[in-house]
């Protein structure tokens, strides 16, 4: 069950919830959420407001700072939910909470889900695991977070009333911004889009992959922008959410895409074999996790180190291309950071996607291929020499063997070199003519 944030009423409710929520305000809060995903924060705030249950959302550093500033404030928290903590943060929380534990025997520090760093709190006797809590948190979503807070109020804060069970949320499926519930199969998704004149019969299909949590928490502004921009160019775009290869492989086989767009964070594939069998261009746009759009535009380095690692270093090994920035973090009213699209980047990425599809449809005989050979030195003796960084591989000989294979695949090639020596002489002639032409 998912409330679409694209509707005016839901969007207004989210804005009101965020604006009226207490951001790490121990003076009012009875329940604290520490280390939760930033994109889940608005839904936590909305659920707390609807139930009239004062709750606060803190980073570990914020919580520890407050507790150290005034030891008496520790008694105000009756339930502290913890999730993503580093070992350093967990130790700091232990040191800040332990001195007041005896004076607050009713206070519960409970994990929303298991994390390795929680062992620091557990060893100190501060952590109380509740097996029911992760059942609400893992599927997540507005309904489950509201039911989690109601469960908390009844179980730990003395309120009365019925406890409602968690709502099962699909782990994978097809998402569309104009429909509340997901589609379980490709045909249903295609028929829905066709009914809204958003599907071109016989047109190329692009599959966009996102994580399930982005669908659950409404953090889809960037992918929505990508989808509509692709549709404007006559591309039939479908969005698939799922976190593992097993979850998305079957849906991809149904869609049979001509292009794959990876919008999940990190590598989610078990092996490259599935991608090799799919045999389509694999694009990786960048929706930054380490910077807001404003920070990125002002930083002379460009991408932050975190984003370079996530979107370039890790992804390149899987064969991704086109790392165009399409979005970044947005700091909203109370410091919660969701993603927002970068319009010119989205437009550029859609153009590149369309170009790859056009290239894919073009006969090999009409394609033009440029082969760039790295040459370290400028002297003639350095031409096409191996280097330690290239493990002294024989590039010229490899190229002599590779070019005929291009010809076998239908590419137009003439006057192929018969040996590495002949290729070398050809390059010398070209370089000499270039130098003469340019007056060098």
Protein backbone atom coordinates (compact mmCIF):
# COMPACT_ATOMS: atom_id res chain seq x y z
CA UNK A 1 0.00 0.00 0.00
CA UNK A 2 1.49 3.33 -1.05
CA UNK A 3 0.14 6.86 -0.90
CA UNK A 4 1.29 8.67 -4.04
CA UNK A 5 3.23 11.80 -3.13
CA UNK A 6 2.44 13.19 -6.59
CA UNK A 7 -1.17 13.97 -5.60
CA UNK A 8 -1.78 17.50 -4.27
CA UNK A 9 -3.38 16.33 -1.02
CA UNK A 10 -0.62 13.86 -0.17
CA UNK A 11 2.08 16.35 -1.11
CA UNK A 12 0.50 19.03 1.05
CA UNK A 13 0.29 16.59 3.94
CA UNK A 14 3.97 15.71 3.58
CA UNK A 15 5.00 19.38 3.54
CA UNK A 16 2.81 20.14 6.55
CA UNK A 17 4.18 17.12 8.40
CA UNK A 18 7.77 18.09 7.79
CA UNK A 19 7.15 21.74 8.64
CA UNK A 20 5.39 20.93 11.91
CA UNK A 21 7.66 18.09 13.04
CA UNK A 22 10.30 18.53 15.72
CA UNK A 23 13.77 18.00 14.30
CA UNK A 24 15.74 16.52 17.21
CA UNK A 25 13.69 18.41 19.82
CA UNK A 26 13.97 16.45 23.08
CA UNK A 27 11.87 19.03 24.91
CA UNK A 28 8.74 17.72 23.21
CA UNK A 29 9.58 14.21 22.05
CA UNK A 30 8.81 10.93 23.79
CA UNK A 31 10.05 8.78 20.89
CA UNK A 32 13.33 9.27 19.02
CA UNK A 33 14.35 7.79 15.67
CA UNK A 34 18.13 7.75 15.35
CA UNK A 35 20.08 7.01 12.18
CA UNK A 36 17.08 6.46 9.89
CA UNK A 37 17.24 7.05 6.15
CA UNK A 38 16.69 10.70 5.33
CA UNK A 39 14.07 9.85 2.71
CA UNK A 40 11.98 8.07 5.40
CA UNK A 41 12.00 11.06 7.72
CA UNK A 42 8.98 12.93 6.25
CA UNK A 43 6.79 9.83 6.60
CA UNK A 44 7.88 9.34 10.22
CA UNK A 45 7.00 12.97 10.92
CA UNK A 46 3.62 12.64 9.20
CA UNK A 47 2.72 9.49 11.16
CA UNK A 48 3.72 11.13 14.46
CA UNK A 49 1.58 14.17 13.67
CA UNK A 50 -1.48 12.10 12.75
CA UNK A 51 -1.24 10.11 16.00
CA UNK A 52 -0.40 13.18 18.09
CA UNK A 53 2.62 11.31 19.41
CA UNK A 54 5.63 13.63 19.89
CA UNK A 55 8.54 12.08 18.04
CA UNK A 56 11.91 13.38 16.97
CA UNK A 57 14.30 12.36 14.18
CA UNK A 58 17.99 12.68 14.98
CA UNK A 59 21.36 11.82 13.65
CA UNK A 60 23.49 9.95 16.21
CA UNK A 61 25.66 13.03 16.60
CA UNK A 62 22.67 15.28 17.28
CA UNK A 63 21.28 12.93 19.91
CA UNK A 64 24.59 12.55 21.72
CA UNK A 65 25.15 16.30 21.65
CA UNK A 66 21.78 16.95 23.25
CA UNK A 67 22.21 14.31 25.91
CA UNK A 68 25.68 15.52 26.86
CA UNK A 69 24.59 19.14 26.99
CA UNK A 70 21.96 18.46 29.69
CA UNK A 71 21.97 15.06 31.34
CA UNK A 72 18.39 15.55 32.51
CA UNK A 73 17.10 15.57 28.95
CA UNK A 74 17.78 11.84 28.73
CA UNK A 75 14.70 11.12 30.81
CA UNK A 76 12.46 12.73 28.20
CA UNK A 77 12.97 9.87 25.74
CA UNK A 78 10.89 6.85 26.61
CA UNK A 79 11.62 4.94 23.37
CA UNK A 80 14.71 5.36 21.20
CA UNK A 81 14.69 3.53 17.88
CA UNK A 82 18.13 3.02 16.32
CA UNK A 83 19.15 1.94 12.85
CA UNK A 84 22.24 3.03 10.92
CA UNK A 85 25.14 3.65 13.30
CA UNK A 86 28.87 3.46 12.85
CA UNK A 87 30.90 1.78 15.58
CA UNK A 88 32.13 5.21 16.69
CA UNK A 89 28.58 6.57 16.88
CA UNK A 90 27.37 3.51 18.77
CA UNK A 91 30.12 3.91 21.37
CA UNK A 92 29.33 7.62 21.75
CA UNK A 93 25.64 6.79 22.28
CA UNK A 94 26.55 4.15 24.86
CA UNK A 95 28.69 6.62 26.78
CA UNK A 96 25.94 9.27 26.68
CA UNK A 97 23.04 6.96 27.64
CA UNK A 98 24.65 4.64 30.18
CA UNK A 99 24.92 7.21 33.02
CA UNK A 100 21.14 7.78 33.00
CA UNK A 101 20.04 4.18 32.47
CA UNK A 102 19.45 3.44 36.17
CA UNK A 103 17.32 6.57 36.58
CA UNK A 104 15.21 5.63 33.54
CA UNK A 105 14.35 1.93 33.87
CA UNK A 106 11.30 2.24 31.56
CA UNK A 107 13.29 3.71 28.67
CA UNK A 108 13.67 1.32 25.73
CA UNK A 109 16.42 1.50 23.14
CA UNK A 110 15.22 -0.75 20.34
CA UNK A 111 16.69 -1.59 16.92
CA UNK A 112 14.50 -0.96 13.88
CA UNK A 113 16.53 -3.68 12.18
CA UNK A 114 19.80 -5.49 12.83
CA UNK A 115 23.06 -3.62 12.28
CA UNK A 116 26.59 -4.77 13.27
CA UNK A 117 27.34 -1.62 15.30
CA UNK A 118 24.38 -2.28 17.60
CA UNK A 119 26.56 -4.76 19.48
CA UNK A 120 28.12 -1.84 21.37
CA UNK A 121 24.75 -0.96 22.93
CA UNK A 122 23.87 -4.60 23.42
CA UNK A 123 27.06 -5.39 25.36
CA UNK A 124 26.34 -2.42 27.64
CA UNK A 125 22.90 -3.84 28.43
CA UNK A 126 21.18 -0.85 26.84
CA UNK A 127 19.54 -2.52 23.82
CA UNK A 128 16.12 -4.19 23.99
CA UNK A 129 15.26 -6.12 20.85
CA UNK A 130 11.57 -6.29 19.95
CA UNK A 131 10.93 -8.83 17.15
CA UNK A 132 7.73 -7.02 16.14
CA UNK A 133 9.45 -3.72 15.36
CA UNK A 134 11.40 -4.86 12.24
CA UNK A 135 8.19 -6.37 10.86
CA UNK A 136 6.83 -2.83 10.54
CA UNK A 137 10.11 -1.16 9.56
CA UNK A 138 11.38 -3.50 6.85
CA UNK A 139 8.37 -3.19 4.51
CA UNK A 140 8.21 0.49 5.50
CA UNK A 141 5.80 2.94 3.87
CA UNK A 142 3.43 5.50 5.40
CA UNK A 143 0.91 2.93 6.66
CA UNK A 144 3.48 0.70 8.35
CA UNK A 145 5.25 3.62 10.03
CA UNK A 146 1.95 4.87 11.41
CA UNK A 147 1.14 1.38 12.71
CA UNK A 148 4.63 1.11 14.22
CA UNK A 149 4.09 4.29 16.21
CA UNK A 150 0.65 3.11 17.33
CA UNK A 151 2.20 -0.21 18.41
CA UNK A 152 4.87 1.77 20.30
CA UNK A 153 2.31 3.95 22.06
CA UNK A 154 0.28 0.93 23.22
CA UNK A 155 3.20 -1.37 24.08
CA UNK A 156 5.57 1.10 25.73
CA UNK A 157 3.77 4.37 26.47
CA UNK A 158 0.65 3.17 28.25
CA UNK A 159 -1.95 3.98 25.60
CA UNK A 160 -4.83 1.62 24.89
CA UNK A 161 -6.45 0.37 21.72
CA UNK A 162 -6.00 -2.30 19.04
CA UNK A 163 -2.58 -3.09 17.59
CA UNK A 164 -2.75 -3.37 13.81
CA UNK A 165 -0.44 -5.82 12.00
CA UNK A 166 2.12 -4.69 9.41
CA UNK A 167 0.97 -4.30 5.81
CA UNK A 168 2.87 -6.45 3.34
CA UNK A 169 4.57 -4.32 0.71
CA UNK A 170 5.82 -5.87 -2.55
CA UNK A 171 9.57 -6.38 -2.75
CA UNK A 172 9.57 -5.91 -6.52
CA UNK A 173 7.31 -4.88 -9.39
CA UNK A 174 6.65 -2.27 -12.08
CA UNK A 175 6.16 1.32 -10.88
CA UNK A 176 4.42 4.16 -12.69
CA UNK A 177 3.99 7.67 -11.25
CA UNK A 178 0.37 7.84 -12.38
CA UNK A 179 -0.79 4.76 -10.46
CA UNK A 180 -0.84 4.15 -6.71
CA UNK A 181 -0.27 0.39 -6.69
CA UNK A 182 2.53 -1.37 -8.59
CA UNK A 183 2.07 -3.73 -11.52
CA UNK A 184 3.05 -7.35 -11.06
CA UNK A 185 3.72 -8.00 -14.75
CA UNK A 186 4.88 -6.17 -17.85
CA UNK A 187 1.68 -6.60 -19.88
CA UNK A 188 -0.39 -4.84 -17.23
CA UNK A 189 2.08 -1.96 -17.08
CA UNK A 190 2.22 -1.60 -20.87
CA UNK A 191 -1.58 -1.71 -21.22
CA UNK A 192 -1.97 0.97 -18.53
CA UNK A 193 0.49 3.27 -20.31
CA UNK A 194 -1.09 2.57 -23.69
CA UNK A 195 -4.48 3.54 -22.28
CA UNK A 196 -2.99 6.93 -21.43
CA UNK A 197 -1.32 7.39 -24.84
CA UNK A 198 2.10 6.87 -23.26
CA UNK A 199 3.12 3.78 -25.23
CA UNK A 200 4.31 3.74 -28.85
CA UNK A 201 3.61 0.42 -30.58
CA UNK A 202 6.83 -1.02 -31.97
CA UNK A 203 8.97 1.58 -30.22
CA UNK A 204 12.16 0.78 -28.30
CA UNK A 205 11.83 -0.18 -24.63
CA UNK A 206 14.00 1.24 -21.85
CA UNK A 207 13.94 -0.40 -18.41
CA UNK A 208 14.84 1.83 -15.45
CA UNK A 209 15.88 0.02 -12.26
CA UNK A 210 15.31 1.56 -8.81
CA UNK A 211 15.51 0.24 -5.27
CA UNK A 212 12.31 -0.81 -3.53
CA UNK A 213 12.89 1.71 -0.74
CA UNK A 214 12.73 4.61 -3.20
CA UNK A 215 9.28 3.49 -4.31
CA UNK A 216 8.11 2.96 -0.73
CA UNK A 217 9.36 6.32 0.54
CA UNK A 218 8.16 8.38 -2.47
CA UNK A 219 11.73 9.36 -3.40
CA UNK A 220 10.96 9.12 -7.12
CA UNK A 221 11.17 12.69 -8.42
CA UNK A 222 14.37 12.02 -10.36
CA UNK A 223 13.23 8.74 -11.91
CA UNK A 224 9.85 10.30 -12.77
CA UNK A 225 11.66 13.09 -14.62
CA UNK A 226 13.78 10.53 -16.49
CA UNK A 227 10.74 8.47 -17.46
CA UNK A 228 8.75 11.39 -18.87
CA UNK A 229 11.77 12.80 -20.73
CA UNK A 230 12.37 9.42 -22.38
CA UNK A 231 8.70 9.16 -23.32
CA UNK A 232 8.90 12.60 -24.98
CA UNK A 233 11.50 11.09 -27.32
CA UNK A 234 9.29 8.16 -28.33
CA UNK A 235 10.96 5.68 -25.98
CA UNK A 236 8.72 3.25 -24.08
CA UNK A 237 10.14 3.54 -20.56
CA UNK A 238 9.19 1.25 -17.69
CA UNK A 239 10.39 1.47 -14.09
CA UNK A 240 11.23 -1.74 -12.22
CA UNK A 241 11.84 -1.69 -8.47
CA UNK A 242 13.73 -4.46 -6.72
CA UNK A 243 17.00 -4.87 -4.84
CA UNK A 244 18.37 -8.23 -5.99
CA UNK A 245 19.03 -9.98 -9.28
CA UNK A 246 16.43 -12.65 -8.53
CA UNK A 247 13.78 -9.97 -7.98
CA UNK A 248 14.33 -8.01 -11.19
CA UNK A 249 15.56 -10.68 -13.62
CA UNK A 250 12.11 -12.12 -14.31
CA UNK A 251 10.59 -8.67 -14.84
CA UNK A 252 13.38 -7.72 -17.24
CA UNK A 253 12.83 -10.90 -19.23
CA UNK A 254 9.16 -9.93 -19.57
CA UNK A 255 9.98 -6.39 -20.71
CA UNK A 256 12.78 -7.46 -23.11
CA UNK A 257 14.35 -3.98 -23.03
CA UNK A 258 16.51 -2.48 -25.74
CA UNK A 259 18.23 -0.32 -23.12
CA UNK A 260 18.92 -0.76 -19.39
CA UNK A 261 19.16 2.23 -17.02
CA UNK A 262 20.58 1.62 -13.54
CA UNK A 263 19.28 4.01 -10.88
CA UNK A 264 19.97 1.79 -7.88
CA UNK A 265 22.86 2.65 -5.57
CA UNK A 266 25.76 0.22 -5.61
CA UNK A 267 26.09 -3.08 -7.47
CA UNK A 268 23.07 -5.39 -7.13
CA UNK A 269 24.06 -8.14 -9.55
CA UNK A 270 25.32 -11.56 -8.48
CA UNK A 271 27.45 -11.94 -11.61
CA UNK A 272 27.87 -10.22 -15.00
CA UNK A 273 26.41 -13.23 -16.81
CA UNK A 274 22.83 -11.95 -16.74
CA UNK A 275 23.89 -8.58 -18.18
CA UNK A 276 25.91 -10.33 -20.88
CA UNK A 277 22.91 -12.45 -21.85
CA UNK A 278 20.69 -9.35 -21.90
CA UNK A 279 23.19 -7.76 -24.34
CA UNK A 280 21.87 -4.20 -24.33
CA UNK A 281 23.51 -0.82 -23.56
CA UNK A 282 23.75 -0.41 -19.77
CA UNK A 283 23.49 3.25 -18.72
CA UNK A 284 24.25 4.67 -15.26
CA UNK A 285 22.97 8.21 -14.64
CA UNK A 286 24.10 9.89 -11.41
CA UNK A 287 21.56 10.96 -8.80
CA UNK A 288 24.02 12.10 -6.17
CA UNK A 289 24.07 10.80 -2.61
CA UNK A 290 26.97 12.94 -1.39
CA UNK A 291 25.88 16.43 -2.44
CA UNK A 292 22.94 18.69 -3.05
CA UNK A 293 22.72 20.16 -6.53
CA UNK A 294 23.83 23.53 -5.19
CA UNK A 295 26.87 22.02 -3.43
CA UNK A 296 27.83 20.11 -6.56
CA UNK A 297 27.58 23.15 -8.82
CA UNK A 298 29.73 25.24 -6.46
CA UNK A 299 32.39 22.57 -5.85
CA UNK A 300 35.31 22.89 -8.31
CA UNK A 301 36.00 19.15 -7.88
CA UNK A 302 32.62 18.23 -9.34
CA UNK A 303 31.37 14.96 -7.86
CA UNK A 304 32.16 14.27 -4.21
CA UNK A 305 34.46 11.37 -3.34
CA UNK A 306 31.45 9.39 -2.13
CA UNK A 307 29.61 9.81 -5.42
CA UNK A 308 32.70 8.97 -7.47
CA UNK A 309 32.99 5.71 -5.55
CA UNK A 310 29.30 4.81 -5.79
CA UNK A 311 28.54 5.84 -9.35
CA UNK A 312 31.85 5.51 -11.19
CA UNK A 313 34.34 3.22 -9.47
CA UNK A 314 31.91 0.50 -8.40
CA UNK A 315 29.73 0.71 -11.49
CA UNK A 316 32.37 0.75 -14.21
CA UNK A 317 33.31 -2.84 -13.48
CA UNK A 318 29.77 -3.84 -14.50
CA UNK A 319 30.05 -2.12 -17.86
CA UNK A 320 27.95 0.98 -17.20
CA UNK A 321 28.23 4.06 -19.41
CA UNK A 322 26.90 7.63 -19.56
CA UNK A 323 27.45 8.87 -15.97
CA UNK A 324 25.44 12.07 -16.50
CA UNK A 325 24.31 13.93 -13.37
CA UNK A 326 20.49 13.84 -13.38
CA UNK A 327 19.76 14.71 -9.74
CA UNK A 328 21.08 15.33 -6.27
CA UNK A 329 20.07 15.66 -2.66
CA UNK A 330 17.63 18.36 -1.65
CA UNK A 331 17.65 19.83 1.86
CA UNK A 332 14.00 20.56 2.61
CA UNK A 333 12.25 22.50 5.36
CA UNK A 334 13.54 20.62 8.38
CA UNK A 335 16.80 19.30 7.00
CA UNK A 336 15.42 16.05 5.58
CA UNK A 337 17.21 15.36 2.33
CA UNK A 338 15.39 13.79 -0.59
CA UNK A 339 16.43 13.73 -4.24
CA UNK A 340 15.46 16.38 -6.78
CA UNK A 341 16.05 16.26 -10.54
CA UNK A 342 18.59 18.34 -12.43
CA UNK A 343 16.48 19.25 -15.50
CA UNK A 344 19.27 19.96 -17.98
CA UNK A 345 21.05 16.77 -16.89
CA UNK A 346 17.87 14.72 -17.30
CA UNK A 347 17.38 16.15 -20.79
CA UNK A 348 21.01 15.45 -21.75
CA UNK A 349 20.79 11.90 -20.43
CA UNK A 350 17.59 11.25 -22.41
CA UNK A 351 19.32 12.49 -25.57
CA UNK A 352 22.21 10.12 -24.94
CA UNK A 353 19.83 7.22 -24.31
CA UNK A 354 18.01 7.98 -27.57
CA UNK A 355 21.36 8.12 -29.40
CA UNK A 356 22.31 4.67 -28.10
CA UNK A 357 18.98 3.28 -29.24
CA UNK A 358 19.43 4.84 -32.68
CA UNK A 359 22.92 3.35 -32.90
CA UNK A 360 21.59 -0.04 -31.85
CA UNK A 361 19.03 0.05 -34.67
CA UNK A 362 21.52 1.19 -37.32
CA UNK A 363 23.07 -1.51 -39.57
CA UNK A 364 26.71 -2.22 -38.75
CA UNK A 365 27.73 -1.28 -42.29
CA UNK A 366 26.61 2.31 -41.62
CA UNK A 367 28.27 2.68 -38.22
CA UNK A 368 31.49 4.63 -37.80
CA UNK A 369 33.96 3.37 -35.19
CA UNK A 370 36.95 5.30 -33.79
CA UNK A 371 39.72 3.26 -32.17
CA UNK A 372 41.85 5.33 -29.80
CA UNK A 373 45.25 3.94 -28.87
CA UNK A 374 46.94 5.56 -25.87
CA UNK A 375 50.48 6.69 -26.64
CA UNK A 376 52.60 7.86 -23.71
CA UNK A 377 55.44 9.64 -25.53
CA UNK A 378 55.59 11.91 -28.57
CA UNK A 379 58.67 10.40 -30.19
CA UNK A 380 58.47 7.97 -33.10
CA UNK A 381 60.20 5.31 -31.02
CA UNK A 382 57.34 5.50 -28.48
CA UNK A 383 54.66 4.79 -31.07
CA UNK A 384 52.53 1.82 -30.01
CA UNK A 385 54.98 0.64 -27.36
CA UNK A 386 53.70 -1.27 -24.35
CA UNK A 387 53.91 0.12 -20.84
CA UNK A 388 53.88 -1.26 -17.28
CA UNK A 389 50.34 0.05 -16.73
CA UNK A 390 49.21 -1.93 -19.75
CA UNK A 391 51.11 -5.02 -18.58
CA UNK A 392 53.14 -4.69 -21.81
CA UNK A 393 50.24 -6.17 -23.76
CA UNK A 394 50.74 -6.20 -27.53
CA UNK A 395 48.13 -3.66 -28.60
CA UNK A 396 49.06 -3.59 -32.31
CA UNK A 397 48.90 -7.36 -32.69
CA UNK A 398 45.59 -7.44 -30.79
CA UNK A 399 44.18 -4.80 -33.13
CA UNK A 400 45.30 -6.73 -36.22
CA UNK A 401 43.32 -9.72 -34.96
CA UNK A 402 40.34 -7.64 -33.88
CA UNK A 403 39.69 -5.67 -37.08
CA UNK A 404 38.80 -8.71 -39.23
CA UNK A 405 36.22 -9.72 -36.64
CA UNK A 406 34.56 -6.33 -37.04
CA UNK A 407 34.50 -6.96 -40.76
CA UNK A 408 32.89 -10.36 -40.19
CA UNK A 409 30.13 -8.63 -38.18
CA UNK A 410 29.25 -6.42 -41.15
CA UNK A 411 31.28 -3.28 -40.43
CA UNK A 412 32.69 -1.57 -43.51
CA UNK A 413 36.49 -1.93 -43.41
CA UNK A 414 38.98 -1.72 -46.27
CA UNK A 415 42.75 -2.14 -46.57
CA UNK A 416 43.11 -4.09 -43.37
CA UNK A 417 46.71 -4.39 -42.12
CA UNK A 418 48.05 -7.94 -42.45
CA UNK A 419 50.54 -7.61 -39.61
CA UNK A 420 51.48 -5.43 -36.66
CA UNK A 421 54.39 -4.07 -38.68
CA UNK A 422 52.09 -2.98 -41.48
CA UNK A 423 49.78 -1.32 -38.98
CA UNK A 424 52.75 0.49 -37.46
CA UNK A 425 53.87 1.81 -40.85
CA UNK A 426 50.32 2.98 -41.59
CA UNK A 427 50.28 4.96 -38.32
CA UNK A 428 53.68 6.52 -39.10
CA UNK A 429 52.37 7.70 -42.47
CA UNK A 430 49.24 9.17 -40.91
CA UNK A 431 51.24 10.98 -38.23
CA UNK A 432 53.68 12.33 -40.80
CA UNK A 433 50.86 13.60 -43.03
CA UNK A 434 49.15 15.18 -40.03
CA UNK A 435 52.30 16.98 -38.97
CA UNK A 436 52.92 18.23 -42.53
CA UNK A 437 49.32 19.40 -42.94
CA UNK A 438 49.40 21.31 -39.65
CA UNK A 439 52.81 22.82 -40.29
CA UNK A 440 54.58 21.03 -37.45
